[in-house]
Protein backbone atom coordinates (compact mmCIF):
# COMPACT_ATOMS: atom_id res chain seq x y z
CA MET A 1 -20.35 -5.70 146.61
CA SER A 2 -21.93 -2.40 145.56
CA THR A 3 -25.69 -2.38 145.04
CA THR A 4 -25.78 0.79 142.93
CA GLN A 5 -29.04 0.87 140.95
CA VAL A 6 -28.43 0.67 137.21
CA THR A 7 -30.89 1.22 134.39
CA ARG A 8 -30.78 1.45 130.60
CA SER A 9 -29.85 5.13 130.96
CA THR A 10 -26.70 4.10 132.84
CA PHE A 11 -25.47 2.60 129.59
CA ASP A 12 -25.50 6.00 127.90
CA ASP A 13 -23.56 7.48 130.83
CA VAL A 14 -20.74 4.95 131.09
CA MET A 15 -20.52 2.76 127.97
CA VAL A 16 -18.96 3.42 124.58
CA PRO A 17 -21.90 3.98 122.18
CA ASN A 18 -21.11 1.13 119.78
CA TYR A 19 -24.21 -0.72 121.00
CA ASN A 20 -27.79 0.42 121.35
CA PRO A 21 -29.34 -2.13 123.71
CA SER A 22 -33.03 -2.38 124.41
CA ALA A 23 -34.62 -0.88 127.49
CA ILE A 24 -34.97 -4.36 128.99
CA VAL A 25 -32.38 -5.17 131.66
CA PRO A 26 -32.51 -8.93 132.36
CA VAL A 27 -31.39 -9.89 135.84
CA ARG A 28 -32.16 -13.61 136.08
CA GLY A 29 -32.52 -16.59 133.80
CA GLU A 30 -33.49 -20.22 134.20
CA GLY A 31 -33.67 -22.62 131.29
CA SER A 32 -35.27 -20.74 128.39
CA ARG A 33 -36.99 -18.11 130.53
CA VAL A 34 -35.55 -14.74 131.53
CA TRP A 35 -36.79 -12.11 134.00
CA ASP A 36 -36.02 -8.38 133.91
CA GLN A 37 -35.63 -5.74 136.62
CA GLU A 38 -39.40 -5.30 136.81
CA GLY A 39 -39.98 -9.03 137.17
CA ARG A 40 -41.39 -9.45 133.65
CA GLU A 41 -40.84 -12.87 132.11
CA TYR A 42 -39.62 -13.59 128.59
CA VAL A 43 -39.24 -16.76 126.55
CA ASP A 44 -35.70 -16.63 125.17
CA PHE A 45 -35.57 -17.39 121.44
CA ALA A 46 -32.39 -15.29 121.06
CA GLY A 47 -30.01 -17.42 123.09
CA GLY A 48 -27.54 -14.58 123.55
CA ILE A 49 -27.05 -14.70 119.74
CA ALA A 50 -26.73 -18.48 119.51
CA VAL A 51 -24.59 -18.70 122.66
CA THR A 52 -26.65 -20.05 125.55
CA SER A 53 -26.78 -23.53 124.07
CA LEU A 54 -28.03 -25.14 127.27
CA GLY A 55 -30.19 -22.24 128.38
CA HIS A 56 -29.59 -20.18 131.49
CA CYS A 57 -27.97 -21.59 134.63
CA HIS A 58 -27.92 -25.20 133.42
CA PRO A 59 -27.07 -27.41 136.43
CA ALA A 60 -24.16 -29.15 134.65
CA MET A 61 -22.58 -25.80 133.80
CA VAL A 62 -23.12 -24.36 137.27
CA LYS A 63 -21.61 -27.49 138.80
CA ALA A 64 -18.55 -27.37 136.52
CA LEU A 65 -17.99 -23.66 137.13
CA THR A 66 -18.39 -23.96 140.89
CA GLU A 67 -16.12 -26.99 141.22
CA GLN A 68 -13.39 -25.50 139.04
CA GLY A 69 -13.78 -22.09 140.69
CA ASN A 70 -12.85 -23.68 143.98
CA LYS A 71 -9.74 -25.30 142.49
CA LEU A 72 -7.91 -23.15 139.95
CA TRP A 73 -8.99 -20.23 137.80
CA HIS A 74 -6.10 -19.35 135.55
CA LEU A 75 -2.60 -20.32 134.52
CA SER A 76 -0.54 -18.74 131.80
CA ASN A 77 0.27 -20.86 128.77
CA VAL A 78 3.79 -21.21 130.12
CA MET A 79 1.97 -24.08 131.81
CA THR A 80 -1.26 -25.81 130.93
CA ASN A 81 -4.15 -27.15 132.95
CA GLU A 82 -6.30 -30.24 133.19
CA PRO A 83 -9.59 -28.75 131.92
CA ALA A 84 -7.90 -27.41 128.76
CA LEU A 85 -6.32 -30.78 127.97
CA ARG A 86 -9.54 -32.68 128.69
CA LEU A 87 -11.59 -30.37 126.48
CA ALA A 88 -9.05 -30.48 123.66
CA ALA A 89 -8.93 -34.28 123.80
CA LYS A 90 -12.72 -34.51 123.60
CA LEU A 91 -12.89 -32.08 120.66
CA VAL A 92 -10.25 -34.06 118.82
CA GLU A 93 -12.07 -37.31 119.52
CA ALA A 94 -15.39 -35.90 118.30
CA THR A 95 -14.20 -34.18 115.11
CA PHE A 96 -11.85 -34.39 112.10
CA ALA A 97 -9.23 -32.40 113.99
CA ASP A 98 -5.94 -33.53 115.50
CA LYS A 99 -4.99 -30.32 117.27
CA VAL A 100 -6.77 -27.48 119.10
CA PHE A 101 -5.90 -23.86 119.90
CA PHE A 102 -8.02 -22.07 122.52
CA ALA A 103 -8.98 -18.41 122.44
CA ASN A 104 -11.62 -16.25 124.12
CA SER A 105 -14.05 -15.58 121.28
CA GLY A 106 -15.09 -16.41 117.76
CA GLY A 107 -13.24 -13.43 116.38
CA GLU A 108 -10.01 -14.62 118.00
CA ALA A 109 -10.57 -18.19 116.84
CA ASN A 110 -10.97 -16.89 113.30
CA GLU A 111 -7.94 -14.62 113.65
CA ALA A 112 -5.91 -17.70 114.57
CA ALA A 113 -7.42 -19.68 111.69
CA PHE A 114 -6.58 -17.04 109.10
CA LYS A 115 -3.06 -16.57 110.46
CA LEU A 116 -2.52 -20.33 110.40
CA ALA A 117 -3.76 -20.56 106.80
CA ARG A 118 -1.22 -17.97 105.67
CA LYS A 119 1.56 -19.45 107.78
CA TYR A 120 0.94 -22.93 106.37
CA ALA A 121 1.12 -21.60 102.80
CA TYR A 122 4.25 -19.59 103.64
CA ASP A 123 5.96 -22.63 105.13
CA ASN A 124 5.00 -25.03 102.34
CA PHE A 125 4.73 -22.93 99.17
CA GLY A 126 6.38 -19.57 99.82
CA PRO A 127 5.31 -15.97 100.55
CA GLU A 128 3.49 -15.40 97.24
CA LYS A 129 0.74 -17.86 98.17
CA ASN A 130 -1.09 -15.59 100.58
CA GLU A 131 -4.50 -14.74 99.14
CA ILE A 132 -7.61 -15.54 101.17
CA ILE A 133 -10.92 -15.90 99.32
CA ALA A 134 -14.10 -15.35 101.32
CA PHE A 135 -17.71 -14.66 100.43
CA THR A 136 -19.80 -11.54 100.13
CA ASN A 137 -22.28 -11.10 102.95
CA SER A 138 -20.15 -13.21 105.32
CA PHE A 139 -19.24 -12.33 108.90
CA HIS A 140 -16.12 -13.55 110.68
CA GLY A 141 -15.54 -11.21 113.61
CA ARG A 142 -14.57 -7.66 114.54
CA THR A 143 -10.79 -7.63 114.60
CA LEU A 144 -9.18 -5.77 111.71
CA PHE A 145 -8.20 -9.03 110.00
CA THR A 146 -11.59 -10.70 110.52
CA VAL A 147 -13.65 -7.71 109.33
CA SER A 148 -11.40 -7.67 106.27
CA VAL A 149 -12.10 -11.33 105.52
CA GLY A 150 -15.77 -10.76 106.32
CA GLY A 151 -17.76 -9.86 103.24
CA GLN A 152 -19.72 -6.89 104.60
CA PRO A 153 -17.99 -3.57 103.78
CA LYS A 154 -20.05 -1.65 106.36
CA TYR A 155 -17.94 -3.22 109.12
CA ARG A 156 -14.72 -1.93 107.52
CA VAL A 157 -15.75 1.66 106.88
CA GLY A 158 -13.64 4.06 108.93
CA PHE A 159 -11.02 1.47 109.82
CA GLU A 160 -9.05 1.45 106.58
CA PRO A 161 -6.44 0.65 105.46
CA VAL A 162 -7.27 -2.98 106.11
CA PRO A 163 -5.06 -6.03 105.51
CA ALA A 164 -4.48 -6.82 101.85
CA GLY A 165 -4.55 -10.13 99.99
CA ILE A 166 -8.26 -10.81 100.53
CA ASN A 167 -10.80 -11.38 97.77
CA HIS A 168 -14.58 -11.86 97.91
CA VAL A 169 -16.94 -13.76 95.61
CA PRO A 170 -20.72 -14.22 95.85
CA TYR A 171 -21.82 -16.94 98.26
CA GLY A 172 -22.94 -20.03 96.40
CA ASP A 173 -21.50 -18.85 93.06
CA LEU A 174 -19.24 -21.69 91.99
CA GLU A 175 -18.26 -20.11 88.68
CA ALA A 176 -17.12 -16.93 90.42
CA LEU A 177 -15.01 -18.98 92.82
CA LYS A 178 -13.49 -20.95 89.92
CA ALA A 179 -12.55 -17.68 88.25
CA ALA A 180 -11.02 -16.24 91.43
CA ILE A 181 -9.06 -19.17 92.85
CA SER A 182 -5.45 -19.63 91.73
CA ASP A 183 -2.07 -20.89 92.82
CA LYS A 184 -1.80 -17.69 94.91
CA THR A 185 -4.81 -18.70 97.02
CA CYS A 186 -3.83 -19.98 100.45
CA ALA A 187 -7.37 -20.54 101.77
CA VAL A 188 -11.08 -20.32 101.09
CA VAL A 189 -13.06 -19.26 104.15
CA MET A 190 -16.77 -19.96 104.46
CA GLU A 191 -19.63 -20.25 106.88
CA PRO A 192 -21.64 -23.40 106.14
CA ILE A 193 -24.64 -21.21 106.97
CA GLN A 194 -24.17 -17.47 106.70
CA GLY A 195 -25.45 -16.23 110.04
CA GLU A 196 -25.27 -12.45 110.24
CA GLY A 197 -25.79 -12.45 106.49
CA GLY A 198 -29.35 -13.73 106.82
CA ILE A 199 -29.32 -17.46 107.76
CA LEU A 200 -28.30 -18.63 104.28
CA PRO A 201 -27.27 -22.31 104.12
CA ALA A 202 -24.74 -23.60 101.60
CA THR A 203 -25.90 -26.52 99.49
CA VAL A 204 -24.11 -29.84 99.82
CA GLU A 205 -23.13 -29.57 96.16
CA PHE A 206 -21.56 -26.13 96.60
CA ALA A 207 -19.65 -27.12 99.76
CA LYS A 208 -18.26 -30.22 98.04
CA ALA A 209 -17.24 -28.22 94.99
CA VAL A 210 -15.42 -25.70 97.20
CA ARG A 211 -13.53 -28.57 98.83
CA GLU A 212 -12.52 -29.91 95.41
CA LEU A 213 -11.36 -26.50 94.20
CA CYS A 214 -9.26 -26.05 97.33
CA ASP A 215 -7.62 -29.43 96.79
CA ALA A 216 -6.92 -28.67 93.13
CA ASN A 217 -5.21 -25.39 94.04
CA ASN A 218 -3.34 -26.50 97.20
CA ALA A 219 -5.53 -24.16 99.24
CA LEU A 220 -6.92 -24.84 102.68
CA LEU A 221 -10.64 -24.93 103.40
CA VAL A 222 -11.53 -23.00 106.55
CA PHE A 223 -15.02 -23.44 108.01
CA ASP A 224 -16.23 -20.71 110.32
CA GLU A 225 -18.58 -22.69 112.58
CA VAL A 226 -18.73 -20.08 115.33
CA GLN A 227 -22.51 -19.87 114.94
CA THR A 228 -23.33 -23.23 113.32
CA GLY A 229 -21.20 -25.40 115.57
CA MET A 230 -21.76 -27.29 118.81
CA GLY A 231 -25.06 -28.93 117.96
CA ARG A 232 -26.78 -25.87 116.54
CA THR A 233 -27.73 -27.63 113.27
CA GLY A 234 -28.48 -31.08 114.71
CA ALA A 235 -24.94 -32.38 114.18
CA LEU A 236 -22.04 -31.49 116.46
CA PHE A 237 -20.69 -29.34 113.60
CA ASP A 238 -22.42 -28.57 110.32
CA TYR A 239 -19.56 -29.93 108.20
CA MET A 240 -20.84 -33.33 109.33
CA ASN A 241 -24.23 -32.61 107.75
CA LEU A 242 -22.56 -31.52 104.52
CA GLY A 243 -20.16 -34.45 104.29
CA VAL A 244 -17.32 -31.99 103.67
CA THR A 245 -14.27 -31.93 105.93
CA PRO A 246 -12.37 -28.66 106.34
CA ASP A 247 -8.67 -28.31 107.15
CA ILE A 248 -9.34 -25.69 109.82
CA LEU A 249 -12.51 -24.99 111.80
CA SER A 250 -13.38 -22.23 114.24
CA SER A 251 -15.80 -22.62 117.14
CA ALA A 252 -17.10 -20.34 119.89
CA LYS A 253 -20.58 -19.11 120.90
CA SER A 254 -22.36 -22.36 121.90
CA LEU A 255 -19.05 -23.96 122.88
CA GLY A 256 -19.04 -22.15 126.22
CA GLY A 257 -22.79 -21.97 126.67
CA GLY A 258 -22.36 -18.39 127.86
CA PHE A 259 -18.83 -18.53 129.26
CA PRO A 260 -16.40 -16.79 126.87
CA ILE A 261 -14.30 -19.30 124.96
CA GLY A 262 -13.27 -19.94 121.36
CA ALA A 263 -11.39 -22.77 119.70
CA MET A 264 -9.59 -23.33 116.44
CA LEU A 265 -9.40 -26.95 115.30
CA ALA A 266 -6.97 -28.20 112.66
CA THR A 267 -5.36 -31.29 111.19
CA ASP A 268 -1.85 -32.30 112.27
CA LYS A 269 -0.47 -31.41 108.84
CA VAL A 270 -1.75 -27.84 108.99
CA ALA A 271 -1.37 -27.24 112.73
CA ALA A 272 2.38 -27.87 112.52
CA SER A 273 2.81 -24.37 111.06
CA LEU A 274 1.60 -22.72 114.25
CA ASN A 275 4.95 -23.57 115.76
CA PHE A 276 6.45 -22.41 119.05
CA GLY A 277 6.09 -18.66 119.55
CA SER A 278 4.11 -18.04 116.37
CA HIS A 279 0.80 -17.23 118.08
CA GLY A 280 -0.60 -16.94 121.58
CA SER A 281 -3.35 -15.82 123.94
CA THR A 282 -3.12 -14.82 127.59
CA TYR A 283 -6.55 -16.14 128.50
CA GLY A 284 -6.90 -18.80 125.81
CA GLY A 285 -7.29 -22.19 127.50
CA ASN A 286 -8.36 -20.59 130.77
CA ALA A 287 -9.19 -23.33 133.29
CA LEU A 288 -12.62 -21.94 134.22
CA ALA A 289 -13.68 -21.52 130.59
CA CYS A 290 -12.47 -24.97 129.59
CA ALA A 291 -14.15 -26.67 132.54
CA VAL A 292 -17.48 -25.11 131.62
CA ALA A 293 -17.03 -25.87 127.90
CA GLU A 294 -16.21 -29.50 128.70
CA ALA A 295 -19.51 -29.79 130.57
CA VAL A 296 -21.32 -28.15 127.63
CA LEU A 297 -19.71 -30.55 125.15
CA ASP A 298 -20.61 -33.55 127.30
CA GLU A 299 -24.25 -32.43 127.43
CA ILE A 300 -24.64 -31.50 123.76
CA ASN A 301 -22.72 -34.34 122.09
CA ARG A 302 -25.35 -36.97 122.84
CA PRO A 303 -27.75 -38.49 120.31
CA SER A 304 -30.78 -37.51 122.37
CA VAL A 305 -29.84 -33.82 122.33
CA LEU A 306 -28.76 -33.71 118.68
CA GLU A 307 -31.88 -35.56 117.54
CA GLY A 308 -33.90 -33.28 119.79
CA VAL A 309 -32.55 -30.25 117.89
CA LYS A 310 -33.99 -31.66 114.65
CA HIS A 311 -37.35 -32.28 116.32
CA LYS A 312 -37.43 -28.77 117.76
CA HIS A 313 -36.59 -27.36 114.33
CA GLN A 314 -39.80 -28.90 113.02
CA LEU A 315 -41.82 -27.37 115.85
CA PHE A 316 -40.43 -23.94 115.00
CA ARG A 317 -40.93 -24.37 111.27
CA GLU A 318 -44.51 -25.60 111.65
CA GLY A 319 -45.31 -22.82 114.11
CA LEU A 320 -43.82 -20.08 111.93
CA GLU A 321 -45.54 -21.45 108.83
CA ALA A 322 -48.88 -21.43 110.67
CA ILE A 323 -48.33 -17.80 111.69
CA ASN A 324 -47.39 -16.94 108.12
CA ALA A 325 -50.48 -18.65 106.72
CA LYS A 326 -52.56 -16.30 108.85
CA TYR A 327 -50.65 -13.03 108.52
CA HIS A 328 -48.53 -13.38 105.32
CA VAL A 329 -45.49 -11.61 106.74
CA PHE A 330 -42.69 -13.95 105.64
CA LYS A 331 -41.19 -14.43 102.21
CA THR A 332 -39.33 -17.58 103.23
CA ILE A 333 -38.34 -19.59 106.33
CA ARG A 334 -34.90 -21.20 106.19
CA GLY A 335 -32.05 -22.61 108.23
CA LYS A 336 -31.15 -25.83 110.00
CA GLY A 337 -31.70 -27.13 113.49
CA LEU A 338 -32.10 -24.25 115.90
CA LEU A 339 -30.62 -21.60 113.64
CA ILE A 340 -33.71 -20.41 111.81
CA GLY A 341 -34.30 -17.33 109.68
CA ALA A 342 -37.68 -15.92 108.71
CA GLU A 343 -37.21 -13.43 105.89
CA VAL A 344 -39.97 -10.83 105.99
CA SER A 345 -42.05 -9.95 102.93
CA GLU A 346 -41.05 -6.89 100.89
CA LYS A 347 -43.75 -4.68 102.37
CA TYR A 348 -42.42 -5.23 105.91
CA VAL A 349 -38.68 -4.87 105.23
CA ALA A 350 -38.54 -1.20 106.23
CA ASP A 351 -40.21 -2.03 109.54
CA PHE A 352 -38.93 -5.54 110.22
CA LYS A 353 -37.23 -4.63 113.51
CA ARG A 354 -40.65 -3.74 114.87
CA PHE A 355 -41.35 -7.46 115.08
CA VAL A 356 -38.48 -7.76 117.58
CA THR A 357 -39.71 -4.82 119.63
CA ALA A 358 -43.28 -6.10 119.62
CA GLY A 359 -42.01 -9.56 120.55
CA ALA A 360 -40.30 -8.15 123.63
CA GLU A 361 -43.51 -6.35 124.58
CA GLU A 362 -45.35 -9.68 124.36
CA GLY A 363 -42.67 -11.52 126.35
CA VAL A 364 -40.49 -13.24 123.75
CA MET A 365 -36.90 -12.40 122.84
CA LEU A 366 -35.70 -12.81 119.25
CA LEU A 367 -33.02 -11.47 116.92
CA THR A 368 -32.44 -10.04 113.48
CA ALA A 369 -30.02 -11.06 110.73
CA SER A 370 -29.10 -9.04 107.66
CA THR A 371 -31.59 -6.28 106.81
CA ASN A 372 -34.74 -8.34 106.41
CA THR A 373 -34.62 -11.52 108.46
CA LEU A 374 -35.83 -12.47 111.93
CA ARG A 375 -33.46 -14.93 113.58
CA PHE A 376 -34.30 -17.64 116.10
CA ALA A 377 -31.35 -19.24 117.93
CA PRO A 378 -32.61 -20.57 121.26
CA SER A 379 -31.20 -23.12 123.67
CA LEU A 380 -30.66 -26.51 122.08
CA VAL A 381 -32.60 -28.08 124.96
CA ILE A 382 -35.46 -25.59 125.04
CA PRO A 383 -38.55 -27.48 126.24
CA ASP A 384 -41.24 -28.06 123.62
CA GLU A 385 -43.74 -26.22 125.79
CA ASP A 386 -41.48 -23.14 125.80
CA ILE A 387 -41.36 -23.24 122.01
CA SER A 388 -45.16 -23.37 121.95
CA GLU A 389 -45.53 -20.55 124.46
CA GLY A 390 -42.88 -18.40 122.77
CA LEU A 391 -44.50 -18.84 119.36
CA ALA A 392 -47.90 -17.94 120.82
CA ARG A 393 -46.39 -14.72 122.18
CA PHE A 394 -44.65 -14.11 118.87
CA GLU A 395 -47.94 -14.50 117.01
CA LYS A 396 -49.47 -11.80 119.20
CA ALA A 397 -46.53 -9.56 118.30
CA VAL A 398 -46.98 -10.25 114.58
CA ALA A 399 -50.70 -9.50 114.82
CA LYS A 400 -49.92 -6.23 116.60
CA VAL A 401 -47.37 -5.11 113.99
CA VAL A 402 -49.62 -6.04 111.09
CA GLU A 403 -52.49 -4.09 112.63
CA GLU A 404 -50.33 -1.06 113.44
CA LEU A 405 -48.87 -0.87 109.95
CA GLY A 406 -52.23 -1.49 108.30
CA LYS A 407 -50.70 -3.58 105.55
């Protein structure tokens, strides 16, 4: 294998410029710690954007990948494979769903979900029932269909014309949804917590009202749990916290713990419309991906881990509130489990990404969400001592930014 030296500048030479990654080039990870090319250590509060649910190089994942890698990597869906069937069976057993479709990413899982919603309405009510209602500020992926359903116009600019038959209403605005929904609506799509939109949780009351409106209008309820699912909120999926059962659910990110995989879950009644030949994926259900995801599911779907997520949430909240009491940089701290958003105060909004940069300089990795929120989405099994150490480093970063800005 080539040992060509690569640096951040190599990105500018060879990669399409749709990303602007930091100068840090991580080369090794273990648990919730990461080391870069220079050997500098970081506490990972970013989790690969809520992906590395068991941290880096978790022994159960390494074991599953190695064992499956020595057996069988890939089969087309002309056949199927044992890991895919085992994973599907476990997802069905653990959730409301009766059937599973595997893809490679959250965007593809959502693409399948939205196609299924329209196909179900077409099969059962006719072609006129095709409208999808989603929410402003939402994010559902980067395919043309998913950016169209997503409620952030900036992701659609330059790619028009986009698919029609999609309407958006403000998140949490029940009256607006009542006014928009009709017998032409085939589905309402929502994130139980808007992730990219700023870590904005739906209330139980709103989620239940959405379910009731869908039922009253023969529309399906689609939950995008790409970011909230797989233990992230202290339940296996957040619909369980809300007491609201969707008809279709999408999962990815934490499902593979870092190995690319997505899944769409559905009831028997709805899944029947994705009949033979109606949809497909070359890599969906890949044996390697499913073997790793099965190991991830086995590790996460245990009371000790799920209860641990709630405990770790409190450690983060208490730590962030203590930092805020000293430096007054946050307007609010919100979220569930280990999906936490700290919205910065008005006077820091223009500079809020400096907290991320300063964090990296102090040895802690974190994220942003929306235009004013710092996002924390670490491993679900991050040790308490790593939370403490990471927050101590983060406090140094906050102190540095506050001093530099002189506010």
